[in-house]
């Protein structure tokens, strides 16, 4: 099954706490490591993120429901590849973004994306 098909199935079926494995398969990461990486990179200093207690900031958009959004950052279709691309280097995608390049590794970006895909 292709990642695109899995992604579409995820959007149709919804992704709750019991669907962590589906999110892991979708983005090629690990949701538990994703939560740790979100803390490591300080994502909560700008975003509010469900499930991350300290992530309650209002600088960037809230990430609740990001798995069900059509676009990532308003410029990329919401696919695992695009989510990882955005997390790794936002200014390369949109030069006018306020989101900095935090030098997120590929593994951490996939883990973060996996966690974000649990947020329906």
Protein backbone atom coordinates (compact mmCIF):
# COMPACT_ATOMS: atom_id res chain seq x y z
CA UNK A 1 0.00 0.00 0.00
CA UNK A 2 1.48 3.37 -0.96
CA UNK A 3 1.98 6.12 1.60
CA UNK A 4 -0.50 8.31 -0.27
CA UNK A 5 -3.20 5.65 0.01
CA UNK A 6 -2.41 5.09 3.69
CA UNK A 7 -2.61 8.87 4.19
CA UNK A 8 -6.04 9.03 2.55
CA UNK A 9 -7.27 6.12 4.67
CA UNK A 10 -5.97 7.91 7.77
CA UNK A 11 -7.87 11.07 6.87
CA UNK A 12 -11.09 9.16 6.25
CA UNK A 13 -10.85 6.93 9.32
CA UNK A 14 -9.52 9.53 11.73
CA UNK A 15 -6.49 9.01 13.91
CA UNK A 16 -6.96 8.82 17.65
CA UNK A 17 -4.72 7.55 20.41
CA UNK A 18 -5.34 3.94 19.37
CA UNK A 19 -4.03 4.66 15.88
CA UNK A 20 -0.45 5.53 16.81
CA UNK A 21 0.87 2.65 14.71
CA UNK A 22 -0.94 3.94 11.64
CA UNK A 23 0.59 7.39 12.17
CA UNK A 24 4.01 5.79 12.66
CA UNK A 25 3.66 3.87 9.40
CA UNK A 26 2.39 6.93 7.56
CA UNK A 27 5.29 9.25 8.35
CA UNK A 28 7.93 6.60 8.97
CA UNK A 29 8.58 7.72 12.53
CA UNK A 30 7.62 7.00 16.10
CA UNK A 31 4.98 9.02 17.94
CA UNK A 32 6.57 8.54 21.36
CA UNK A 33 9.94 9.80 20.10
CA UNK A 34 8.02 12.56 18.32
CA UNK A 35 6.71 13.89 21.63
CA UNK A 36 10.27 13.93 22.96
CA UNK A 37 11.55 15.67 19.83
CA UNK A 38 8.83 18.32 20.10
CA UNK A 39 10.16 19.10 23.56
CA UNK A 40 13.82 18.90 22.43
CA UNK A 41 13.34 21.47 19.64
CA UNK A 42 11.15 23.74 21.75
CA UNK A 43 8.14 23.60 19.44
CA UNK A 44 5.92 24.54 22.39
CA UNK A 45 7.64 27.92 22.68
CA UNK A 46 5.61 28.99 19.63
CA UNK A 47 2.78 26.45 19.23
CA UNK A 48 0.06 24.97 21.37
CA UNK A 49 0.17 21.23 20.84
CA UNK A 50 -2.33 18.79 22.35
CA UNK A 51 -0.69 16.14 24.49
CA UNK A 52 2.38 18.28 25.19
CA UNK A 53 1.67 19.90 28.54
CA UNK A 54 4.20 22.71 28.22
CA UNK A 55 3.20 23.55 24.60
CA UNK A 56 0.67 26.33 25.11
CA UNK A 57 2.21 29.25 23.20
CA UNK A 58 0.31 31.51 20.83
CA UNK A 59 3.12 32.72 18.53
CA UNK A 60 2.56 30.18 15.76
CA UNK A 61 -0.70 28.47 14.86
CA UNK A 62 -2.16 25.87 17.21
CA UNK A 63 -1.47 22.37 15.95
CA UNK A 64 -4.69 20.76 17.18
CA UNK A 65 -6.31 19.02 14.23
CA UNK A 66 -3.30 19.39 11.94
CA UNK A 67 -3.72 15.82 10.65
CA UNK A 68 -7.06 16.80 9.13
CA UNK A 69 -5.92 20.03 7.49
CA UNK A 70 -5.59 20.28 3.72
CA UNK A 71 -2.35 22.25 3.78
CA UNK A 72 0.84 22.49 5.83
CA UNK A 73 1.80 26.12 6.46
CA UNK A 74 -0.75 27.19 3.87
CA UNK A 75 1.58 26.34 0.98
CA UNK A 76 2.09 22.55 0.82
CA UNK A 77 -0.55 19.88 0.52
CA UNK A 78 -0.74 17.92 3.75
CA UNK A 79 1.23 14.76 3.01
CA UNK A 80 3.84 13.01 5.14
CA UNK A 81 6.63 14.05 2.78
CA UNK A 82 5.55 17.69 2.86
CA UNK A 83 5.11 17.67 6.63
CA UNK A 84 8.66 16.35 7.07
CA UNK A 85 9.98 18.87 4.53
CA UNK A 86 8.32 21.74 6.41
CA UNK A 87 9.53 20.60 9.83
CA UNK A 88 13.12 20.24 8.59
CA UNK A 89 13.47 23.59 6.83
CA UNK A 90 10.48 25.95 6.84
CA UNK A 91 12.28 28.93 5.21
CA UNK A 92 13.20 26.73 2.21
CA UNK A 93 9.48 26.19 1.64
CA UNK A 94 8.33 29.76 2.39
CA UNK A 95 10.97 32.47 2.65
CA UNK A 96 8.51 34.75 4.49
CA UNK A 97 7.73 32.33 7.32
CA UNK A 98 8.51 33.28 10.90
CA UNK A 99 9.23 29.62 11.67
CA UNK A 100 13.00 29.15 11.88
CA UNK A 101 15.15 26.35 10.54
CA UNK A 102 15.97 24.46 13.74
CA UNK A 103 18.20 21.91 11.97
CA UNK A 104 15.75 19.11 12.73
CA UNK A 105 17.20 15.77 11.69
CA UNK A 106 15.33 13.53 9.25
CA UNK A 107 14.59 10.99 11.99
CA UNK A 108 13.31 13.66 14.39
CA UNK A 109 11.21 15.26 11.62
CA UNK A 110 9.60 11.89 10.85
CA UNK A 111 8.98 11.27 14.55
CA UNK A 112 7.43 14.74 14.98
CA UNK A 113 5.30 14.26 11.87
CA UNK A 114 4.15 10.87 13.19
CA UNK A 115 3.03 12.52 16.41
CA UNK A 116 1.32 15.37 14.55
CA UNK A 117 -0.64 12.87 12.46
CA UNK A 118 -2.31 11.65 15.66
CA UNK A 119 -3.83 15.13 16.10
CA UNK A 120 -7.22 14.92 14.43
